[in-house]
Each structure stands twice: as structure tokens, then as C-alpha cells.
Amino acid sequence: MPTVRAEKLYKVFGRRAEDAVRRLEGGVTRSELGVPGVTPAVIDASFEVEQGEIFVVMGLSGSGKSTLIRMLNGLLPATSGRVYVDGADITAMSGREIREMRQQTMSMVFQHFALFPHRTVLENAAYGLQVRGMSQQEREAKARESLDLVGLNGWEDHLPDQLSGGMRQRVGLARALAADTDVLLMDEAFSALDPLIRKEMQDQLLSLQAKLGKTIIFITHDLNEAMRLGDRVAMMREGRIVQIGTAEDILNDPANDYVAKFVQDVDRTRVLTAESVMSNPVATIGSGAGPRAALHTMREHQYSALFVVERDGRLVGVVTDEAVAQAAARGQDTVRDLIGSDIASVGPDTPVYELFAPAAESRLPLAVVDDDGKLLGVIPRATLLAALGQTVKAAERVIEEGGAHGAEEVAADA
């Protein structure tokens, strides 16, 4: 069962909201609505968020994303549709039940920190637990733990106006973590920060998520932020969700012209990974194969070298055409003593921009291996270049010039 599920959500402001919903259900857009005095904010939004997922809702100003997130925790009632949290229908809850749900299940981090200026950092972090009625000793202990998680150990007695913007946002995040809810809603949480601090907070969130495994619904208008943080991204336009998918799905298979135009300037090298661009390792041999068999495979695929794998798929090395040809002439039975270990290998999650240097230095395709050393795929130079999109010319220049130094310069520029 998904942790959060939205079914056909509509939010329309105005007295004739129900009339507007009926027309919107027929597929008309905001501009075609023709119902005076109403403002459609969210139109037919349906999605599911799994436990432990970072689900990013991304859109420009006025797309309806902030209204949507406020419907998920009951701050705004839905005009039509349902929201389920851990299977419970919050659209059918009383005000008291919704408040209890926020305290126990779903906490929120706001764009502008929402801190109490007269309370210390520790008191702000513990505030949600105070509302629950937790004893002072227990809530302060939990608040200190959460402040330590976000790197604010030693700042407990300071007031918010003594902190930088990034530190104040860390307090807001610590308050949400102290509440120990399963779900975190983050509404433009980092957009008020300068770019450097924003990057640090993104790193902080990803680090915390690796430790805590929360279910996070993150709202942003920044496409690069969405692509960096989201396990999946929901793209919104004029109140409607126009596509849901991974960053790679959206980059490689945009649902319509709007999405395609939106993502055309994204730095693909920082979104795509080795796993997303690798090819199946079809030309391999076992360590017990003979040199004649190796030569036959090389000729069939027009390769000058082959990766050697064990029966369980572990990559053990590489053999070259020159070595196996000499072994075949000598009448050797296997290639086992010909295997070289000079292999350029990367993990499946390695960003494409980090593949430039090893690709430039290796005369073989890059080997993509998992934590157990199993060969998952290969990345020939041609495949890497084709995946780069806008940066293909720069990558060609790096590989033609050769050497890691030039590759690192282009990677840094990207």
C-alpha cells in the first residue's frame, strides 16, 4: 500500500467551484473554463507515493503545486477527490483528526522557516512535541538528537535572528525530524536560500534520507533541484500533472512538447547515470573458454578485446585479440593465464559527467559493475557521446584530445 495516494484531486476557489469541476472533468483547460468568479488551482491530480520515496512536485509559479501539497495534509480542503495517508482518507476526517494526523504522521517544512523568533533553536525544534504534550525532558532530548542530525549541535541556546538563512532552515528541518513522522512535506523549502547554501541543504537532505528513509514530498520550481532530489518527479502545468516519472524518464521520453521544451536546457550529464546509458554486455567469455572461441567472438562482434566473467557474472578481467591469437597459435586450451586486470570500471549510479575521464583514458568500453563485482553492462565511447545531448561536442573534443585533465575541465564546466 502506498504511503500517500491522491485520487482525482481538484481544488477550485470561488462560489461556483462545483460547476467548474464538472467542466474541468470534461477536459477543458483553465483558459477554456468559462465559469466567471472561480480560480482552478489543482485539476484532476492523481498519484501514489511509496514508503521511503522522495517524490518531487515541480512546476512554475501558478502551476498549483503549493496548493496541492496543502491538500495532502488537510490545510486546504479538496473541492473534489480523495487523499489517503497510510490508507486513511483524510478528506473524510474531522478537524481534530486532521490535526492529530499532522502531529503523528505528516510534518511540514516551509519555505520561510516558520520559526518563533522569541524561542531558542532548541525550543523551536521541540515545539511540535510540546504541542503533543510530551514532557520537557523527553522533547528536549529528541530535539537535541534532530539538531545533531542537521549539524546544529552547539547552537541550541541561540535565537533564530542569530542564525544564517541556511541554519534557520536546518532548524525547520530539525523540528520536522523531531516530530518523528513517517511523511515529510517540504514546500519550496530551499528556494529562499542562496545557491551555495541551497546545494548544501540538498546534500543534507539526501544524506538524512539515506539514514532515515522517510517518505518525502518535495515542492520546487527549480528543475535541476527536482532532477537531483527526486526518485520520481511530477511535472505540473496550469493545475494539471502532465507527466510523472524518474528524471531519466522525463529527460529521455517527455510526455509532450511542453515537457520537452522545459527540460531541453537541463545538464543531462548530471542527471543521467552509467546504468541509464550502458549497453548489455553481449560480447563476453568465461574464464575457462579457449583462445579460438575468444577469437571467434571478437571477429563476430568486431571487438579487439573481450571482458572475461565467471559463471556467477563477476568480472575478472579482459583479454586482447593479440594475446588470444598468439595463444591459439601455441595451441593453448584456455585464456585463463591471458587475463589482464587493467579495466576501467564504474558503478551503476555514477553520473555521466564522471565518465569522461575514464572513457578518455581507456581503449576499451567502460565496465559497469555492481557492489559484488558483477558485470551489469558496458559503455562504449559512441554510446556515451550519444547520451550527452547538448554536451556531445565538448565530450568529443575531450576524447579526441585524450587525457584525464581535459576531461576533468569539461566535467567541471558541466
Protein backbone atom coordinates (compact mmCIF):
# COMPACT_ATOMS: atom_id res chain seq x y z
CA MET A 1 0.00 0.00 0.00
CA PRO A 2 1.43 3.42 -0.92
CA THR A 3 2.11 5.80 1.97
CA VAL A 4 0.30 8.69 0.25
CA ARG A 5 -2.29 8.35 -2.51
CA ALA A 6 -4.17 11.14 -4.28
CA GLU A 7 -7.22 10.31 -6.37
CA LYS A 8 -8.67 12.80 -8.85
CA LEU A 9 -7.96 15.85 -6.68
CA TYR A 10 -9.49 19.19 -7.63
CA LYS A 11 -9.16 22.49 -5.85
CA VAL A 12 -11.22 25.34 -7.25
CA PHE A 13 -11.62 28.65 -5.43
CA GLY A 14 -14.88 30.55 -5.84
CA ARG A 15 -18.62 30.18 -5.29
CA ARG A 16 -19.29 28.13 -8.41
CA ALA A 17 -16.49 25.66 -7.75
CA GLU A 18 -18.64 22.56 -8.31
CA ASP A 19 -19.78 23.84 -11.72
CA ALA A 20 -16.17 24.46 -12.63
CA VAL A 21 -15.14 20.94 -11.57
CA ARG A 22 -17.78 19.39 -13.83
CA ARG A 23 -16.43 21.33 -16.81
CA LEU A 24 -12.82 20.56 -15.91
CA GLU A 25 -13.65 16.87 -15.68
CA GLY A 26 -14.64 17.13 -19.32
CA GLY A 27 -11.07 18.07 -20.20
CA VAL A 28 -11.26 21.84 -20.62
CA THR A 29 -8.23 23.92 -19.64
CA ARG A 30 -8.14 26.88 -17.27
CA SER A 31 -8.37 29.34 -20.15
CA GLU A 32 -11.31 27.46 -21.69
CA LEU A 33 -13.26 27.12 -18.44
CA GLY A 34 -15.73 29.94 -18.97
CA VAL A 35 -17.05 29.99 -15.38
CA PRO A 36 -16.70 33.53 -14.00
CA GLY A 37 -15.57 34.13 -10.44
CA VAL A 38 -13.67 30.88 -9.96
CA THR A 39 -9.96 30.02 -9.94
CA PRO A 40 -8.96 26.41 -10.65
CA ALA A 41 -5.72 25.67 -8.78
CA VAL A 42 -5.44 21.87 -8.97
CA ILE A 43 -7.15 19.81 -11.67
CA ASP A 44 -7.54 16.03 -11.65
CA ALA A 45 -4.33 15.22 -9.75
CA SER A 46 -3.75 11.51 -9.14
CA PHE A 47 -0.54 9.85 -7.95
CA GLU A 48 0.92 7.45 -5.40
CA VAL A 49 4.00 7.92 -3.20
CA GLU A 50 5.72 4.82 -1.89
CA GLN A 51 7.27 4.44 1.54
CA GLY A 52 10.82 5.85 1.63
CA GLU A 53 10.47 7.71 -1.68
CA ILE A 54 11.39 11.32 -2.44
CA PHE A 55 8.53 12.43 -4.68
CA VAL A 56 9.08 15.87 -6.19
CA VAL A 57 6.24 18.02 -7.49
CA MET A 58 7.72 20.50 -9.92
CA GLY A 59 6.15 23.43 -11.76
CA LEU A 60 6.37 27.13 -12.42
CA SER A 61 4.63 29.74 -10.29
CA GLY A 62 0.87 29.34 -10.56
CA SER A 63 1.03 25.70 -11.63
CA GLY A 64 -0.81 24.57 -8.47
CA LYS A 65 1.99 22.71 -6.70
CA SER A 66 1.80 24.57 -3.37
CA THR A 67 -1.98 24.23 -3.31
CA LEU A 68 -1.58 20.53 -3.96
CA ILE A 69 0.77 19.95 -1.04
CA ARG A 70 -1.60 21.79 1.32
CA MET A 71 -4.39 19.49 0.26
CA LEU A 72 -2.29 16.48 1.19
CA ASN A 73 -2.18 17.42 4.88
CA GLY A 74 -5.62 18.99 5.10
CA LEU A 75 -4.55 22.63 5.31
CA LEU A 76 -6.80 23.16 2.27
CA PRO A 77 -9.92 21.02 1.80
CA ALA A 78 -10.31 19.38 -1.60
CA THR A 79 -13.14 20.59 -3.80
CA SER A 80 -13.34 17.06 -5.16
CA GLY A 81 -11.31 13.88 -4.88
CA ARG A 82 -9.59 11.90 -2.13
CA VAL A 83 -6.29 11.86 -0.25
CA TYR A 84 -5.21 8.72 1.59
CA VAL A 85 -2.34 8.64 4.09
CA ASP A 86 -1.38 5.15 5.24
CA GLY A 87 -4.75 4.03 3.93
CA ALA A 88 -6.77 6.58 5.93
CA ASP A 89 -8.95 9.01 3.95
CA ILE A 90 -8.02 12.44 5.30
CA THR A 91 -10.65 14.14 3.13
CA ALA A 92 -13.25 12.43 5.35
CA MET A 93 -11.58 13.36 8.66
CA SER A 94 -12.79 15.90 11.17
CA GLY A 95 -10.64 18.92 12.04
CA ARG A 96 -9.42 17.23 15.21
CA GLU A 97 -8.49 14.05 13.36
CA ILE A 98 -6.55 16.03 10.75
CA ARG A 99 -4.61 17.86 13.47
CA GLU A 100 -3.73 14.54 15.08
CA MET A 101 -2.65 13.17 11.71
CA ARG A 102 -0.29 16.13 11.22
CA GLN A 103 1.22 15.63 14.65
CA GLN A 104 1.72 11.89 14.34
CA THR A 105 2.08 11.09 10.63
CA MET A 106 2.87 14.08 8.42
CA SER A 107 5.04 17.09 9.29
CA MET A 108 5.91 20.06 7.10
CA VAL A 109 8.95 22.22 6.33
CA PHE A 110 8.08 25.67 4.96
CA GLN A 111 9.89 27.97 2.56
CA HIS A 112 10.36 30.83 5.02
CA PHE A 113 11.40 28.76 8.03
CA ALA A 114 8.27 29.50 10.17
CA LEU A 115 10.34 29.79 13.35
CA PHE A 116 9.29 31.56 16.54
CA PRO A 117 11.70 34.50 16.92
CA HIS A 118 11.44 34.61 20.72
CA ARG A 119 12.16 30.87 21.16
CA THR A 120 15.63 29.35 21.14
CA VAL A 121 16.79 26.91 18.49
CA LEU A 122 16.13 24.04 20.90
CA GLU A 123 12.66 25.33 21.77
CA ASN A 124 11.78 25.75 18.11
CA ALA A 125 12.95 22.23 17.29
CA ALA A 126 10.91 20.85 20.20
CA TYR A 127 7.75 22.86 19.54
CA GLY A 128 5.79 20.13 17.75
CA LEU A 129 6.48 17.73 20.60
CA GLN A 130 5.33 20.35 23.11
CA VAL A 131 2.03 20.63 21.25
CA ARG A 132 1.67 16.86 21.60
CA GLY A 133 2.02 17.20 25.36
CA MET A 134 5.39 15.46 25.67
CA SER A 135 7.35 16.19 28.84
CA GLN A 136 10.03 18.86 28.65
CA GLN A 137 12.87 16.45 29.33
CA GLU A 138 11.78 13.99 26.65
CA ARG A 139 11.03 16.58 23.97
CA GLU A 140 14.31 18.40 24.52
CA ALA A 141 16.20 15.10 24.24
CA LYS A 142 14.50 14.36 20.91
CA ALA A 143 15.06 17.91 19.69
CA ARG A 144 18.77 17.69 20.52
CA GLU A 145 19.01 14.46 18.52
CA SER A 146 17.39 16.06 15.50
CA LEU A 147 19.56 19.20 15.76
CA ASP A 148 22.62 16.97 15.83
CA LEU A 149 21.37 15.20 12.67
CA VAL A 150 21.22 18.51 10.77
CA GLY A 151 24.57 19.76 12.04
CA LEU A 152 23.37 22.28 14.65
CA ASN A 153 24.90 20.72 17.74
CA GLY A 154 26.05 23.60 19.98
CA TRP A 155 23.51 26.10 18.66
CA GLU A 156 20.64 25.06 20.91
CA ASP A 157 20.56 28.26 23.00
CA HIS A 158 20.73 30.73 20.12
CA LEU A 159 17.76 32.69 18.80
CA PRO A 160 16.72 32.48 15.11
CA ASP A 161 17.90 36.01 14.28
CA GLN A 162 21.42 34.96 15.33
CA LEU A 163 21.50 32.33 12.58
CA SER A 164 22.11 32.44 8.84
CA GLY A 165 19.30 31.59 6.45
CA GLY A 166 20.67 28.10 5.88
CA MET A 167 20.94 27.46 9.60
CA ARG A 168 17.37 28.64 10.18
CA GLN A 169 16.17 26.23 7.52
CA ARG A 170 18.09 23.48 9.29
CA VAL A 171 16.13 24.32 12.44
CA GLY A 172 12.89 23.94 10.48
CA LEU A 173 14.07 20.59 9.18
CA ALA A 174 15.14 19.53 12.68
CA ARG A 175 11.67 20.39 14.02
CA ALA A 176 10.09 18.15 11.38
CA LEU A 177 12.54 15.35 12.15
CA ALA A 178 11.98 15.66 15.90
CA ALA A 179 8.27 15.02 15.33
CA ASP A 180 9.37 11.61 14.00
CA THR A 181 6.55 11.41 11.46
CA ASP A 182 6.73 8.97 8.58
CA VAL A 183 5.98 11.65 5.97
CA LEU A 184 7.72 15.00 5.39
CA LEU A 185 6.14 17.68 3.22
CA MET A 186 8.63 20.28 2.02
CA ASP A 187 7.15 23.31 0.27
CA GLU A 188 9.88 25.22 -1.63
CA ALA A 189 12.00 24.52 1.44
CA PHE A 190 15.29 25.66 -0.10
CA SER A 191 14.18 28.31 -2.57
CA ALA A 192 14.81 31.24 -0.19
CA LEU A 193 18.48 30.27 0.17
CA ASP A 194 21.40 31.42 -1.91
CA PRO A 195 22.72 28.85 -4.43
CA LEU A 196 25.67 27.61 -2.36
CA ILE A 197 23.62 27.10 0.81
CA ARG A 198 20.85 25.56 -1.27
CA LYS A 199 23.26 22.95 -2.62
CA GLU A 200 24.42 22.20 0.93
CA MET A 201 20.83 21.72 2.09
CA GLN A 202 20.13 19.38 -0.83
CA ASP A 203 23.18 17.34 0.18
CA GLN A 204 21.95 17.38 3.78
CA LEU A 205 18.52 16.12 2.78
CA LEU A 206 19.92 13.29 0.66
CA SER A 207 22.26 12.29 3.48
CA LEU A 208 19.42 12.29 6.02
CA GLN A 209 17.20 10.32 3.67
CA ALA A 210 19.89 7.65 3.33
CA LYS A 211 19.90 7.30 7.13
CA LEU A 212 16.21 7.71 7.97
CA GLY A 213 14.27 6.54 4.91
CA LYS A 214 11.39 8.99 5.30
CA THR A 215 8.65 9.46 2.74
CA ILE A 216 9.23 12.96 1.38
CA ILE A 217 7.03 15.04 -0.89
CA PHE A 218 9.11 17.98 -2.07
CA ILE A 219 7.76 21.02 -3.92
CA THR A 220 10.05 23.10 -6.13
CA HIS A 221 10.04 25.36 -9.17
CA ASP A 222 13.68 24.53 -9.90
CA LEU A 223 14.07 21.76 -12.47
CA ASN A 224 17.69 20.97 -11.57
CA GLU A 225 16.70 20.62 -7.92
CA ALA A 226 13.82 18.34 -8.89
CA MET A 227 16.08 16.17 -11.03
CA ARG A 228 18.72 15.97 -8.32
CA LEU A 229 16.47 15.10 -5.39
CA GLY A 230 13.54 13.18 -6.79
CA ASP A 231 13.24 9.42 -7.03
CA ARG A 232 10.30 10.42 -9.21
CA VAL A 233 9.13 13.81 -10.42
CA ALA A 234 5.59 15.02 -11.14
CA MET A 235 5.56 17.88 -13.67
CA MET A 236 2.64 20.31 -13.27
CA ARG A 237 1.24 22.84 -15.72
CA GLU A 238 -1.84 25.03 -15.18
CA GLY A 239 -3.08 22.86 -12.33
CA ARG A 240 -2.67 19.52 -14.07
CA ILE A 241 0.03 16.87 -13.67
CA VAL A 242 1.34 16.38 -17.20
CA GLN A 243 3.97 13.70 -16.51
CA ILE A 244 5.24 11.53 -13.65
CA GLY A 245 8.50 9.62 -13.91
CA THR A 246 12.12 9.40 -12.94
CA ALA A 247 14.43 12.19 -14.00
CA GLU A 248 15.74 9.91 -16.73
CA ASP A 249 12.20 9.08 -17.91
CA ILE A 250 11.35 12.74 -18.25
CA LEU A 251 14.60 13.64 -19.99
CA ASN A 252 14.55 10.71 -22.40
CA ASP A 253 10.81 10.40 -23.04
CA PRO A 254 8.99 13.71 -22.40
CA ALA A 255 5.22 13.31 -22.45
CA ASN A 256 4.53 16.35 -24.62
CA ASP A 257 6.09 19.42 -26.22
CA TYR A 258 5.74 21.43 -23.00
CA VAL A 259 7.85 18.96 -21.02
CA ALA A 260 10.33 18.59 -23.87
CA LYS A 261 10.85 22.36 -24.03
CA PHE A 262 11.06 22.56 -20.25
CA VAL A 263 13.89 20.03 -19.99
CA GLN A 264 15.83 20.98 -23.11
CA ASP A 265 18.41 23.01 -21.19
CA VAL A 266 18.92 20.53 -18.35
CA ASP A 267 22.52 19.39 -17.89
CA ARG A 268 21.95 15.76 -18.83
CA THR A 269 25.42 14.74 -17.68
CA ARG A 270 24.41 15.38 -14.05
CA VAL A 271 21.06 13.59 -14.29
CA LEU A 272 21.81 10.53 -16.39
CA THR A 273 23.80 7.71 -14.79
CA ALA A 274 26.02 4.92 -16.06
CA GLU A 275 23.14 2.48 -15.69
CA SER A 276 20.88 4.60 -17.90
CA VAL A 277 23.34 4.76 -20.81
CA MET A 278 25.04 1.36 -20.62
CA SER A 279 24.57 -1.41 -23.19
CA ASN A 280 24.09 -5.10 -22.47
CA PRO A 281 27.46 -6.91 -22.20
CA VAL A 282 26.75 -9.27 -25.09
CA ALA A 283 30.40 -9.91 -26.08
CA THR A 284 31.96 -11.66 -23.08
CA ILE A 285 33.63 -15.00 -22.48
CA GLY A 286 34.07 -17.27 -19.50
CA SER A 287 37.43 -17.68 -17.82
CA GLY A 288 37.58 -21.29 -18.97
CA ALA A 289 36.99 -20.52 -22.67
CA GLY A 290 39.61 -21.34 -25.26
CA PRO A 291 41.51 -18.77 -27.34
CA ARG A 292 39.91 -19.91 -30.61
CA ALA A 293 36.44 -19.33 -29.14
CA ALA A 294 37.57 -15.92 -27.94
CA LEU A 295 38.85 -15.03 -31.42
CA HIS A 296 35.58 -16.16 -32.99
CA THR A 297 33.60 -13.91 -30.61
CA MET A 298 35.88 -10.96 -31.31
CA ARG A 299 35.51 -11.36 -35.07
CA GLU A 300 31.74 -11.77 -34.80
CA HIS A 301 31.36 -8.52 -32.88
CA GLN A 302 34.38 -6.76 -34.40
CA TYR A 303 35.98 -6.20 -30.99
CA SER A 304 39.68 -6.04 -30.25
CA ALA A 305 39.21 -7.21 -26.65
CA LEU A 306 36.68 -9.08 -24.53
CA PHE A 307 35.62 -8.91 -20.90
CA VAL A 308 36.06 -12.18 -19.02
CA VAL A 309 33.41 -13.17 -16.47
CA GLU A 310 32.94 -16.04 -14.06
CA ARG A 311 29.81 -18.18 -14.12
CA ASP A 312 28.19 -16.03 -11.43
CA GLY A 313 28.67 -12.93 -13.60
CA ARG A 314 31.64 -11.45 -11.74
CA LEU A 315 34.05 -9.53 -13.92
CA VAL A 316 37.56 -10.96 -13.61
CA GLY A 317 39.45 -9.15 -16.36
CA VAL A 318 40.00 -8.64 -20.05
CA VAL A 319 41.76 -10.43 -22.92
CA THR A 320 43.05 -8.76 -26.09
CA ASP A 321 42.98 -10.01 -29.68
CA GLU A 322 46.79 -10.05 -29.90
CA ALA A 323 47.16 -12.21 -26.79
CA VAL A 324 44.49 -14.74 -27.76
CA ALA A 325 45.80 -15.00 -31.34
CA GLN A 326 49.26 -15.90 -30.01
CA ALA A 327 47.72 -18.38 -27.55
CA ALA A 328 45.71 -20.01 -30.34
CA ALA A 329 48.88 -20.38 -32.42
CA ARG A 330 50.59 -22.08 -29.47
CA GLY A 331 47.61 -24.41 -29.01
CA GLN A 332 46.67 -23.25 -25.50
CA ASP A 333 43.47 -24.69 -24.04
CA THR A 334 42.11 -21.67 -22.14
CA VAL A 335 42.53 -17.92 -21.87
CA ARG A 336 42.86 -18.07 -18.10
CA ASP A 337 46.53 -17.06 -17.99
CA LEU A 338 45.96 -14.30 -20.57
CA ILE A 339 43.52 -12.31 -18.46
CA GLY A 340 44.58 -8.75 -17.69
CA SER A 341 43.22 -6.69 -14.83
CA ASP A 342 43.62 -3.23 -16.37
CA ILE A 343 39.89 -2.44 -16.56
CA ALA A 344 38.13 0.90 -16.26
CA SER A 345 35.02 0.13 -14.22
CA VAL A 346 32.29 2.33 -12.73
CA GLY A 347 29.24 1.80 -10.56
CA PRO A 348 25.71 1.92 -11.99
CA ASP A 349 24.86 5.14 -10.13
CA THR A 350 27.90 7.06 -11.39
CA PRO A 351 26.77 10.33 -13.03
CA VAL A 352 27.60 10.60 -16.73
CA TYR A 353 29.82 13.65 -16.17
CA GLU A 354 32.15 11.45 -14.10
CA LEU A 355 32.57 9.03 -17.03
CA PHE A 356 34.54 11.47 -19.20
CA ALA A 357 37.95 10.87 -17.62
CA PRO A 358 37.91 7.04 -17.54
CA ALA A 359 36.45 6.94 -21.08
CA ALA A 360 39.22 9.22 -22.35
CA GLU A 361 41.95 7.08 -20.78
CA SER A 362 40.60 3.62 -21.65
CA ARG A 363 40.82 1.96 -25.06
CA LEU A 364 38.03 -0.42 -24.00
CA PRO A 365 34.39 0.29 -23.19
CA LEU A 366 33.77 1.19 -19.56
CA ALA A 367 32.60 -1.77 -17.49
CA VAL A 368 29.59 -1.12 -15.22
CA VAL A 369 29.77 -3.38 -12.16
CA ASP A 370 27.68 -3.71 -9.00
CA ASP A 371 28.92 -3.91 -5.41
CA ASP A 372 29.59 -7.65 -5.82
CA GLY A 373 31.72 -7.10 -8.92
CA LYS A 374 29.13 -8.49 -11.33
CA LEU A 375 29.22 -7.08 -14.85
CA LEU A 376 25.95 -5.22 -15.46
CA GLY A 377 26.75 -3.53 -18.76
CA VAL A 378 29.32 -1.72 -20.86
CA ILE A 379 29.59 1.85 -22.11
CA PRO A 380 31.36 2.24 -25.45
CA ARG A 381 32.54 5.73 -26.27
CA ALA A 382 29.94 6.07 -29.01
CA THR A 383 27.15 5.25 -26.55
CA LEU A 384 28.50 7.78 -24.06
CA LEU A 385 28.70 10.50 -26.70
CA ALA A 386 25.18 9.80 -27.95
CA ALA A 387 23.82 10.16 -24.42
CA LEU A 388 25.29 13.58 -23.80
CA GLY A 389 22.82 15.63 -25.84
CA GLN A 390 23.86 19.27 -25.64
CA THR A 391 27.38 18.43 -24.40
CA VAL A 392 28.26 15.99 -27.18
CA LYS A 393 30.67 18.38 -28.94
CA ALA A 394 32.56 19.09 -25.74
CA ALA A 395 32.83 15.38 -24.99
CA GLU A 396 34.11 14.62 -28.49
CA ARG A 397 36.80 17.23 -28.04
CA VAL A 398 37.88 15.67 -24.72
CA ILE A 399 38.10 12.15 -26.09
CA GLU A 400 39.88 13.26 -29.27
CA GLU A 401 42.44 15.21 -27.26
CA GLY A 402 42.74 12.36 -24.73
CA GLY A 403 43.88 12.50 -21.16
CA ALA A 404 42.08 12.98 -17.90
CA HIS A 405 42.98 16.65 -17.50
CA GLY A 406 40.84 17.85 -20.40
CA ALA A 407 38.01 15.54 -19.35
CA GLU A 408 38.03 16.95 -15.85
CA GLU A 409 37.85 20.51 -17.23
CA VAL A 410 34.75 19.72 -19.30
CA ALA A 411 33.18 17.85 -16.39
CA ALA A 412 33.78 20.88 -14.19
CA ASP A 413 32.26 23.19 -16.79
CA ALA A 414 29.20 20.95 -16.99
